[in-house]
Amino acid sequence: MDEREAIDALVAGDLSGLEVLVNRHEAAGLRLAFAILGERASAEDATDDAFVAVQRAIAGFDTRRPFRPWFLKIVANAARKAARQSTRVWLAGLLPPTPVEPESVEESVIKGLEHERLAAAVATLPAIQRSVLVLHYELDMSEVRITEILSCPVGTVKSSLHAAREQLRRTLADLCR
């Protein structure tokens, strides 16, 4: 079943359509929610809440537009709502990357150290900067799409990307000294 058929099925009340959408978009939703919340369990809850909201609101979805940005906007809203309701402190870094077979033990150790440094550096960024980084670099979203998803002006996205890159450069340089 392709995405269009999945949406039509879900509109008709067939939950197999939701299953297809979950399989296609859950990982992206988790990355965004994690960037906002910084905690895996909360990110999973927010993503689950977003899929429930999709199920309830799918009849109002404009089928002339792509599904993914619409879904990610719902995820961002669910994560921001969870963040407002939560008193948890963010102690984690980025989601771990998709596992790839390393060429050697040495390479695996080096990659692990690089990931730890990057995660530590990203953990120091404000939520908006983490969110913009994940959407732009991990989920390959354009600045225009990011503004739609996060409901903020394009200038905020551009300045957040710039500020995040600059802060990461400084933080990583300090960590490597």
N, C-alpha and C. Protein backbone atom coordinates (compact mmCIF):
# COMPACT_ATOMS: atom_id res chain seq x y z
N MET A 1 0.86 -1.17 0.00
CA MET A 1 0.00 0.00 0.00
C MET A 1 0.91 1.24 0.00
N ASP A 2 0.70 2.15 -0.93
CA ASP A 2 1.50 3.37 -0.94
C ASP A 2 0.89 4.40 0.03
N GLU A 3 1.57 5.51 0.19
CA GLU A 3 1.14 6.51 1.18
C GLU A 3 -0.25 7.05 0.88
N ARG A 4 -0.52 7.34 -0.37
CA ARG A 4 -1.83 7.86 -0.77
C ARG A 4 -2.94 6.88 -0.41
N GLU A 5 -2.70 5.59 -0.72
CA GLU A 5 -3.67 4.55 -0.38
C GLU A 5 -3.82 4.41 1.13
N ALA A 6 -2.73 4.54 1.84
CA ALA A 6 -2.76 4.45 3.30
C ALA A 6 -3.62 5.57 3.89
N ILE A 7 -3.45 6.77 3.36
CA ILE A 7 -4.24 7.90 3.85
C ILE A 7 -5.72 7.68 3.55
N ASP A 8 -6.02 7.25 2.32
CA ASP A 8 -7.41 6.96 1.95
C ASP A 8 -8.00 5.87 2.84
N ALA A 9 -7.22 4.83 3.12
CA ALA A 9 -7.69 3.75 3.99
C ALA A 9 -7.97 4.27 5.39
N LEU A 10 -7.08 5.10 5.91
CA LEU A 10 -7.28 5.64 7.25
C LEU A 10 -8.50 6.55 7.30
N VAL A 11 -8.70 7.35 6.28
CA VAL A 11 -9.90 8.19 6.21
C VAL A 11 -11.16 7.33 6.26
N ALA A 12 -11.09 6.16 5.62
CA ALA A 12 -12.23 5.24 5.59
C ALA A 12 -12.36 4.42 6.88
N GLY A 13 -11.42 4.63 7.84
CA GLY A 13 -11.50 3.93 9.11
C GLY A 13 -10.69 2.65 9.17
N ASP A 14 -9.93 2.35 8.14
CA ASP A 14 -9.11 1.14 8.09
C ASP A 14 -7.76 1.44 8.74
N LEU A 15 -7.50 0.84 9.89
CA LEU A 15 -6.27 1.11 10.65
C LEU A 15 -5.01 0.56 9.99
N SER A 16 -5.16 -0.26 8.96
CA SER A 16 -3.96 -0.71 8.24
C SER A 16 -3.28 0.48 7.56
N GLY A 17 -4.06 1.50 7.22
CA GLY A 17 -3.49 2.72 6.66
C GLY A 17 -2.60 3.43 7.68
N LEU A 18 -3.03 3.44 8.94
CA LEU A 18 -2.22 4.05 9.99
C LEU A 18 -0.93 3.26 10.18
N GLU A 19 -1.01 1.95 10.10
CA GLU A 19 0.19 1.12 10.25
C GLU A 19 1.23 1.46 9.19
N VAL A 20 0.78 1.67 7.96
CA VAL A 20 1.70 2.04 6.88
C VAL A 20 2.35 3.39 7.18
N LEU A 21 1.56 4.35 7.63
CA LEU A 21 2.09 5.68 7.94
C LEU A 21 3.07 5.62 9.11
N VAL A 22 2.77 4.82 10.10
CA VAL A 22 3.68 4.65 11.24
C VAL A 22 5.01 4.08 10.75
N ASN A 23 4.94 3.04 9.94
CA ASN A 23 6.17 2.41 9.44
C ASN A 23 7.02 3.39 8.64
N ARG A 24 6.39 4.29 7.92
CA ARG A 24 7.14 5.23 7.07
C ARG A 24 7.65 6.46 7.81
N HIS A 25 6.95 6.90 8.84
CA HIS A 25 7.27 8.21 9.42
C HIS A 25 7.62 8.21 10.90
N GLU A 26 7.56 7.06 11.55
CA GLU A 26 7.83 7.02 12.98
C GLU A 26 9.25 7.46 13.34
N ALA A 27 10.24 6.99 12.59
CA ALA A 27 11.63 7.33 12.91
C ALA A 27 11.86 8.84 12.83
N ALA A 28 11.32 9.48 11.80
CA ALA A 28 11.48 10.93 11.68
C ALA A 28 10.77 11.65 12.83
N GLY A 29 9.59 11.17 13.19
CA GLY A 29 8.88 11.76 14.32
C GLY A 29 9.64 11.62 15.62
N LEU A 30 10.23 10.45 15.84
CA LEU A 30 11.03 10.24 17.06
C LEU A 30 12.23 11.16 17.12
N ARG A 31 12.91 11.34 16.00
CA ARG A 31 14.09 12.22 15.98
C ARG A 31 13.71 13.65 16.34
N LEU A 32 12.61 14.13 15.75
CA LEU A 32 12.18 15.49 16.03
C LEU A 32 11.73 15.63 17.48
N ALA A 33 10.91 14.70 17.95
CA ALA A 33 10.43 14.78 19.34
C ALA A 33 11.60 14.69 20.32
N PHE A 34 12.58 13.85 20.01
CA PHE A 34 13.75 13.72 20.87
C PHE A 34 14.56 15.01 20.89
N ALA A 35 14.65 15.67 19.74
CA ALA A 35 15.38 16.93 19.69
C ALA A 35 14.72 17.99 20.56
N ILE A 36 13.42 17.94 20.64
CA ILE A 36 12.68 18.91 21.44
C ILE A 36 12.70 18.53 22.93
N LEU A 37 12.51 17.24 23.21
CA LEU A 37 12.35 16.80 24.60
C LEU A 37 13.63 16.29 25.24
N GLY A 38 14.53 15.73 24.44
CA GLY A 38 15.80 15.26 24.96
C GLY A 38 15.73 13.99 25.77
N GLU A 39 14.64 13.29 25.70
CA GLU A 39 14.49 12.09 26.50
C GLU A 39 13.70 11.07 25.68
N ARG A 40 14.24 9.88 25.54
CA ARG A 40 13.70 8.88 24.61
C ARG A 40 12.25 8.51 24.93
N ALA A 41 11.95 8.19 26.18
CA ALA A 41 10.59 7.76 26.53
C ALA A 41 9.57 8.87 26.25
N SER A 42 9.92 10.09 26.59
CA SER A 42 9.02 11.23 26.31
C SER A 42 8.85 11.43 24.82
N ALA A 43 9.92 11.25 24.05
CA ALA A 43 9.84 11.38 22.59
C ALA A 43 8.92 10.32 22.00
N GLU A 44 9.03 9.10 22.52
CA GLU A 44 8.15 8.02 22.05
C GLU A 44 6.70 8.35 22.37
N ASP A 45 6.44 8.84 23.58
CA ASP A 45 5.07 9.21 23.96
C ASP A 45 4.53 10.32 23.06
N ALA A 46 5.34 11.33 22.80
CA ALA A 46 4.90 12.44 21.96
C ALA A 46 4.62 11.97 20.53
N THR A 47 5.46 11.08 20.03
CA THR A 47 5.25 10.54 18.68
C THR A 47 3.98 9.71 18.63
N ASP A 48 3.77 8.89 19.66
CA ASP A 48 2.53 8.12 19.74
C ASP A 48 1.31 9.05 19.78
N ASP A 49 1.40 10.11 20.59
CA ASP A 49 0.31 11.08 20.66
C ASP A 49 0.05 11.72 19.30
N ALA A 50 1.14 11.96 18.56
CA ALA A 50 1.00 12.56 17.23
C ALA A 50 0.25 11.62 16.29
N PHE A 51 0.55 10.33 16.36
CA PHE A 51 -0.16 9.38 15.49
C PHE A 51 -1.64 9.27 15.86
N VAL A 52 -1.93 9.36 17.15
CA VAL A 52 -3.34 9.39 17.58
C VAL A 52 -4.02 10.64 16.99
N ALA A 53 -3.33 11.76 17.06
CA ALA A 53 -3.88 13.01 16.49
C ALA A 53 -4.07 12.89 14.99
N VAL A 54 -3.13 12.23 14.31
CA VAL A 54 -3.26 12.01 12.87
C VAL A 54 -4.52 11.21 12.58
N GLN A 55 -4.72 10.15 13.35
CA GLN A 55 -5.91 9.31 13.15
C GLN A 55 -7.19 10.14 13.31
N ARG A 56 -7.20 11.01 14.29
CA ARG A 56 -8.40 11.82 14.55
C ARG A 56 -8.60 12.91 13.49
N ALA A 57 -7.49 13.46 12.96
CA ALA A 57 -7.58 14.62 12.08
C ALA A 57 -7.40 14.30 10.60
N ILE A 58 -7.21 13.04 10.26
CA ILE A 58 -6.86 12.69 8.88
C ILE A 58 -7.93 13.12 7.87
N ALA A 59 -9.16 13.15 8.28
CA ALA A 59 -10.22 13.56 7.36
C ALA A 59 -10.04 15.01 6.91
N GLY A 60 -9.38 15.82 7.72
CA GLY A 60 -9.15 17.22 7.36
C GLY A 60 -7.83 17.46 6.66
N PHE A 61 -7.05 16.39 6.42
CA PHE A 61 -5.76 16.54 5.77
C PHE A 61 -5.96 16.91 4.30
N ASP A 62 -5.23 17.91 3.85
CA ASP A 62 -5.27 18.36 2.45
C ASP A 62 -4.39 17.44 1.62
N THR A 63 -5.00 16.55 0.87
CA THR A 63 -4.26 15.54 0.11
C THR A 63 -3.42 16.13 -1.02
N ARG A 64 -3.55 17.41 -1.30
CA ARG A 64 -2.70 18.04 -2.32
C ARG A 64 -1.33 18.39 -1.75
N ARG A 65 -1.20 18.29 -0.45
CA ARG A 65 0.07 18.62 0.21
C ARG A 65 0.76 17.33 0.66
N PRO A 66 2.06 17.37 0.87
CA PRO A 66 2.75 16.17 1.34
C PRO A 66 2.40 15.85 2.79
N PHE A 67 2.36 14.59 3.10
CA PHE A 67 1.97 14.13 4.44
C PHE A 67 3.05 14.42 5.49
N ARG A 68 4.32 14.15 5.15
CA ARG A 68 5.39 14.21 6.14
C ARG A 68 5.49 15.54 6.88
N PRO A 69 5.51 16.69 6.19
CA PRO A 69 5.58 17.96 6.94
C PRO A 69 4.36 18.17 7.85
N TRP A 70 3.20 17.76 7.39
CA TRP A 70 1.98 17.88 8.20
C TRP A 70 2.13 17.03 9.46
N PHE A 71 2.60 15.81 9.30
CA PHE A 71 2.81 14.92 10.44
C PHE A 71 3.86 15.48 11.39
N LEU A 72 4.97 15.96 10.86
CA LEU A 72 6.04 16.49 11.72
C LEU A 72 5.59 17.73 12.48
N LYS A 73 4.71 18.50 11.90
CA LYS A 73 4.16 19.65 12.63
C LYS A 73 3.34 19.16 13.83
N ILE A 74 2.58 18.10 13.62
CA ILE A 74 1.81 17.51 14.72
C ILE A 74 2.76 16.98 15.79
N VAL A 75 3.85 16.33 15.37
CA VAL A 75 4.84 15.83 16.33
C VAL A 75 5.44 16.99 17.12
N ALA A 76 5.84 18.05 16.42
CA ALA A 76 6.44 19.21 17.10
C ALA A 76 5.47 19.78 18.12
N ASN A 77 4.21 19.89 17.76
CA ASN A 77 3.22 20.42 18.70
C ASN A 77 3.05 19.49 19.90
N ALA A 78 3.00 18.18 19.66
CA ALA A 78 2.86 17.21 20.76
C ALA A 78 4.08 17.26 21.67
N ALA A 79 5.26 17.39 21.08
CA ALA A 79 6.49 17.44 21.89
C ALA A 79 6.56 18.73 22.70
N ARG A 80 6.18 19.85 22.08
CA ARG A 80 6.20 21.12 22.83
C ARG A 80 5.19 21.08 23.98
N LYS A 81 4.04 20.46 23.74
CA LYS A 81 3.04 20.32 24.80
C LYS A 81 3.60 19.46 25.93
N ALA A 82 4.25 18.37 25.57
CA ALA A 82 4.85 17.50 26.59
C ALA A 82 5.95 18.24 27.35
N ALA A 83 6.73 19.04 26.65
CA ALA A 83 7.81 19.80 27.31
C ALA A 83 7.24 20.79 28.31
N ARG A 84 6.13 21.43 27.95
CA ARG A 84 5.50 22.38 28.88
C ARG A 84 4.97 21.67 30.12
N GLN A 85 4.51 20.43 29.94
CA GLN A 85 3.92 19.69 31.05
C GLN A 85 4.95 18.92 31.87
N SER A 86 6.16 18.86 31.37
CA SER A 86 7.19 18.04 32.00
C SER A 86 8.13 18.89 32.84
N THR A 87 8.63 18.29 33.89
CA THR A 87 9.64 18.97 34.70
C THR A 87 10.99 18.27 34.56
N ARG A 88 11.08 17.37 33.58
CA ARG A 88 12.33 16.63 33.38
C ARG A 88 13.42 17.55 32.85
N VAL A 89 14.64 17.21 33.18
CA VAL A 89 15.82 17.94 32.70
C VAL A 89 16.44 17.11 31.59
N TRP A 90 16.85 17.78 30.53
CA TRP A 90 17.44 17.06 29.41
C TRP A 90 18.88 16.69 29.73
N LEU A 91 19.14 15.39 29.75
CA LEU A 91 20.47 14.91 30.05
C LEU A 91 21.08 14.11 28.91
N ALA A 92 20.33 13.89 27.84
CA ALA A 92 20.80 13.02 26.76
C ALA A 92 21.28 13.83 25.58
N GLY A 93 21.88 13.14 24.63
CA GLY A 93 22.33 13.75 23.37
C GLY A 93 21.39 13.39 22.25
N LEU A 94 21.93 13.24 21.08
CA LEU A 94 21.15 12.86 19.91
C LEU A 94 20.77 11.40 19.96
N LEU A 95 19.76 11.03 19.16
CA LEU A 95 19.48 9.62 18.98
C LEU A 95 20.71 8.96 18.37
N PRO A 96 20.99 7.73 18.76
CA PRO A 96 22.15 7.09 18.15
C PRO A 96 21.92 6.92 16.65
N PRO A 97 22.99 7.01 15.85
CA PRO A 97 22.83 6.84 14.42
C PRO A 97 22.47 5.40 14.09
N THR A 98 21.97 5.20 12.88
CA THR A 98 21.68 3.85 12.43
C THR A 98 22.97 3.03 12.46
N PRO A 99 22.95 1.86 13.09
CA PRO A 99 24.18 1.08 13.20
C PRO A 99 24.74 0.72 11.82
N VAL A 100 26.05 0.86 11.70
CA VAL A 100 26.75 0.50 10.48
C VAL A 100 27.93 -0.36 10.89
N GLU A 101 28.17 -1.42 10.15
CA GLU A 101 29.30 -2.29 10.47
C GLU A 101 30.61 -1.52 10.33
N PRO A 102 31.37 -1.36 11.41
CA PRO A 102 32.65 -0.66 11.31
C PRO A 102 33.67 -1.54 10.59
N GLU A 103 34.67 -0.87 10.01
CA GLU A 103 35.72 -1.60 9.32
C GLU A 103 36.68 -2.25 10.30
N SER A 104 36.83 -1.66 11.47
CA SER A 104 37.76 -2.20 12.46
C SER A 104 37.32 -1.75 13.86
N VAL A 105 37.94 -2.36 14.86
CA VAL A 105 37.66 -1.97 16.24
C VAL A 105 38.08 -0.52 16.47
N GLU A 106 39.24 -0.15 15.91
CA GLU A 106 39.74 1.22 16.08
C GLU A 106 38.75 2.23 15.49
N GLU A 107 38.25 1.91 14.30
CA GLU A 107 37.28 2.82 13.67
C GLU A 107 36.03 2.94 14.51
N SER A 108 35.59 1.82 15.08
CA SER A 108 34.41 1.83 15.93
C SER A 108 34.62 2.72 17.15
N VAL A 109 35.78 2.64 17.77
CA VAL A 109 36.08 3.47 18.94
C VAL A 109 36.12 4.94 18.55
N ILE A 110 36.77 5.25 17.44
CA ILE A 110 36.86 6.65 16.97
C ILE A 110 35.47 7.20 16.68
N LYS A 111 34.65 6.42 15.97
CA LYS A 111 33.30 6.88 15.66
C LYS A 111 32.49 7.08 16.93
N GLY A 112 32.65 6.17 17.90
CA GLY A 112 31.95 6.30 19.17
C GLY A 112 32.34 7.57 19.91
N LEU A 113 33.63 7.88 19.93
CA LEU A 113 34.10 9.10 20.58
C LEU A 113 33.58 10.34 19.86
N GLU A 114 33.60 10.31 18.53
CA GLU A 114 33.09 11.45 17.76
C GLU A 114 31.61 11.66 18.03
N HIS A 115 30.85 10.57 18.07
CA HIS A 115 29.42 10.68 18.34
C HIS A 115 29.17 11.22 19.74
N GLU A 116 29.94 10.75 20.72
CA GLU A 116 29.79 11.25 22.09
C GLU A 116 30.08 12.74 22.17
N ARG A 117 31.11 13.18 21.49
CA ARG A 117 31.45 14.61 21.49
C ARG A 117 30.33 15.43 20.84
N LEU A 118 29.85 14.94 19.71
CA LEU A 118 28.77 15.65 19.02
C LEU A 118 27.52 15.68 19.89
N ALA A 119 27.16 14.55 20.48
CA ALA A 119 25.98 14.49 21.34
C ALA A 119 26.11 15.45 22.52
N ALA A 120 27.30 15.49 23.11
CA ALA A 120 27.53 16.40 24.24
C ALA A 120 27.40 17.85 23.79
N ALA A 121 27.92 18.16 22.61
CA ALA A 121 27.84 19.52 22.09
C ALA A 121 26.40 19.90 21.77
N VAL A 122 25.68 19.00 21.15
CA VAL A 122 24.28 19.28 20.80
C VAL A 122 23.43 19.43 22.06
N ALA A 123 23.76 18.68 23.10
CA ALA A 123 23.01 18.76 24.35
C ALA A 123 23.07 20.14 24.98
N THR A 124 24.08 20.93 24.62
CA THR A 124 24.20 22.27 25.19
C THR A 124 23.34 23.30 24.47
N LEU A 125 22.77 22.92 23.32
CA LEU A 125 22.00 23.87 22.52
C LEU A 125 20.57 24.02 23.04
N PRO A 126 19.97 25.18 22.84
CA PRO A 126 18.55 25.36 23.15
C PRO A 126 17.68 24.45 22.27
N ALA A 127 16.49 24.14 22.74
CA ALA A 127 15.59 23.20 22.04
C ALA A 127 15.33 23.62 20.59
N ILE A 128 15.13 24.90 20.32
CA ILE A 128 14.84 25.33 18.95
C ILE A 128 16.02 25.02 18.03
N GLN A 129 17.23 25.21 18.53
CA GLN A 129 18.40 24.92 17.70
C GLN A 129 18.56 23.41 17.48
N ARG A 130 18.32 22.61 18.52
CA ARG A 130 18.37 21.15 18.35
C ARG A 130 17.33 20.71 17.33
N SER A 131 16.12 21.25 17.44
CA SER A 131 15.04 20.87 16.52
C SER A 131 15.39 21.22 15.08
N VAL A 132 15.88 22.42 14.86
CA VAL A 132 16.23 22.86 13.52
C VAL A 132 17.35 22.00 12.95
N LEU A 133 18.35 21.67 13.77
CA LEU A 133 19.45 20.82 13.30
C LEU A 133 18.94 19.44 12.87
N VAL A 134 18.09 18.84 13.67
CA VAL A 134 17.56 17.51 13.34
C VAL A 134 16.73 17.57 12.07
N LEU A 135 15.85 18.55 11.98
CA LEU A 135 15.01 18.66 10.78
C LEU A 135 15.85 18.91 9.53
N HIS A 136 16.84 19.76 9.63
CA HIS A 136 17.62 20.13 8.45
C HIS A 136 18.63 19.05 8.06
N TYR A 137 19.42 18.58 9.03
CA TYR A 137 20.52 17.67 8.70
C TYR A 137 20.14 16.20 8.75
N GLU A 138 19.33 15.79 9.71
CA GLU A 138 18.97 14.38 9.80
C GLU A 138 17.77 14.03 8.93
N LEU A 139 16.81 14.93 8.86
CA LEU A 139 15.58 14.64 8.11
C LEU A 139 15.54 15.36 6.76
N ASP A 140 16.61 16.07 6.43
CA ASP A 140 16.79 16.69 5.12
C ASP A 140 15.63 17.61 4.72
N MET A 141 15.18 18.42 5.66
CA MET A 141 14.09 19.36 5.40
C MET A 141 14.66 20.71 5.00
N SER A 142 13.97 21.37 4.10
CA SER A 142 14.37 22.72 3.69
C SER A 142 13.98 23.71 4.79
N GLU A 143 14.55 24.89 4.72
CA GLU A 143 14.21 25.93 5.71
C GLU A 143 12.72 26.26 5.65
N VAL A 144 12.16 26.27 4.45
CA VAL A 144 10.73 26.58 4.30
C VAL A 144 9.88 25.52 4.99
N ARG A 145 10.23 24.25 4.79
CA ARG A 145 9.49 23.16 5.45
C ARG A 145 9.63 23.26 6.96
N ILE A 146 10.82 23.59 7.42
CA ILE A 146 11.05 23.70 8.87
C ILE A 146 10.16 24.80 9.46
N THR A 147 10.02 25.92 8.76
CA THR A 147 9.15 26.99 9.27
C THR A 147 7.71 26.50 9.39
N GLU A 148 7.28 25.69 8.44
CA GLU A 148 5.92 25.14 8.50
C GLU A 148 5.76 24.19 9.68
N ILE A 149 6.76 23.35 9.89
CA ILE A 149 6.69 22.34 10.94
C ILE A 149 6.76 22.97 12.33
N LEU A 150 7.67 23.92 12.51
CA LEU A 150 7.86 24.53 13.83
C LEU A 150 7.02 25.78 14.05
N SER A 151 6.29 26.20 13.03
CA SER A 151 5.45 27.40 13.12
C SER A 151 6.25 28.62 13.59
N CYS A 152 7.35 28.85 12.90
CA CYS A 152 8.17 30.02 13.23
C CYS A 152 8.63 30.66 11.92
N PRO A 153 9.04 31.92 11.97
CA PRO A 153 9.47 32.60 10.75
C PRO A 153 10.76 32.01 10.18
N VAL A 154 10.95 32.18 8.88
CA VAL A 154 12.15 31.65 8.21
C VAL A 154 13.41 32.28 8.80
N GLY A 155 13.32 33.51 9.23
CA GLY A 155 14.47 34.16 9.87
C GLY A 155 14.89 33.46 11.14
N THR A 156 13.93 32.96 11.90
CA THR A 156 14.23 32.21 13.12
C THR A 156 14.94 30.91 12.78
N VAL A 157 14.49 30.24 11.72
CA VAL A 157 15.13 29.00 11.30
C VAL A 157 16.56 29.27 10.86
N LYS A 158 16.74 30.29 10.03
CA LYS A 158 18.08 30.61 9.54
C LYS A 158 19.01 31.01 10.68
N SER A 159 18.53 31.86 11.57
CA SER A 159 19.39 32.29 12.66
C SER A 159 19.66 31.15 13.64
N SER A 160 18.69 30.27 13.84
CA SER A 160 18.89 29.12 14.72
C SER A 160 19.91 28.15 14.13
N LEU A 161 19.84 27.91 12.82
CA LEU A 161 20.83 27.05 12.17
C LEU A 161 22.22 27.65 12.29
N HIS A 162 22.32 28.94 12.01
CA HIS A 162 23.61 29.61 12.08
C HIS A 162 24.17 29.57 13.51
N ALA A 163 23.33 29.93 14.46
CA ALA A 163 23.78 29.96 15.86
C ALA A 163 24.17 28.55 16.34
N ALA A 164 23.40 27.55 15.93
CA ALA A 164 23.71 26.18 16.34
C ALA A 164 25.03 25.72 15.76
N ARG A 165 25.27 26.01 14.49
CA ARG A 165 26.54 25.62 13.86
C ARG A 165 27.71 26.31 14.54
N GLU A 166 27.55 27.60 14.81
CA GLU A 166 28.63 28.35 15.47
C GLU A 166 28.89 27.81 16.88
N GLN A 167 27.83 27.56 17.62
CA GLN A 167 27.99 27.02 18.98
C GLN A 167 28.63 25.64 18.93
N LEU A 168 28.22 24.80 17.97
CA LEU A 168 28.82 23.47 17.85
C LEU A 168 30.31 23.57 17.51
N ARG A 169 30.67 24.49 16.62
CA ARG A 169 32.09 24.68 16.29
C ARG A 169 32.90 25.03 17.54
N ARG A 170 32.39 25.99 18.31
CA ARG A 170 33.09 26.41 19.53
C ARG A 170 33.18 25.27 20.55
N THR A 171 32.05 24.62 20.77
CA THR A 171 32.00 23.56 21.78
C THR A 171 32.90 22.38 21.37
N LEU A 172 32.82 21.99 20.12
CA LEU A 172 33.66 20.87 19.66
C LEU A 172 35.13 21.22 19.69
N ALA A 173 35.44 22.47 19.36
CA ALA A 173 36.84 22.90 19.44
C ALA A 173 37.35 22.84 20.88
N ASP A 174 36.52 23.26 21.83
CA ASP A 174 36.90 23.19 23.24
C ASP A 174 37.06 21.74 23.72
N LEU A 175 36.18 20.86 23.24
CA LEU A 175 36.24 19.46 23.65
C LEU A 175 37.48 18.75 23.09
N CYS A 176 37.96 19.23 21.96
CA CYS A 176 39.11 18.58 21.30
C CYS A 176 40.44 19.10 21.84
N ARG A 177 40.44 20.10 22.69
CA ARG A 177 41.69 20.67 23.24
C ARG A 177 42.24 19.83 24.35
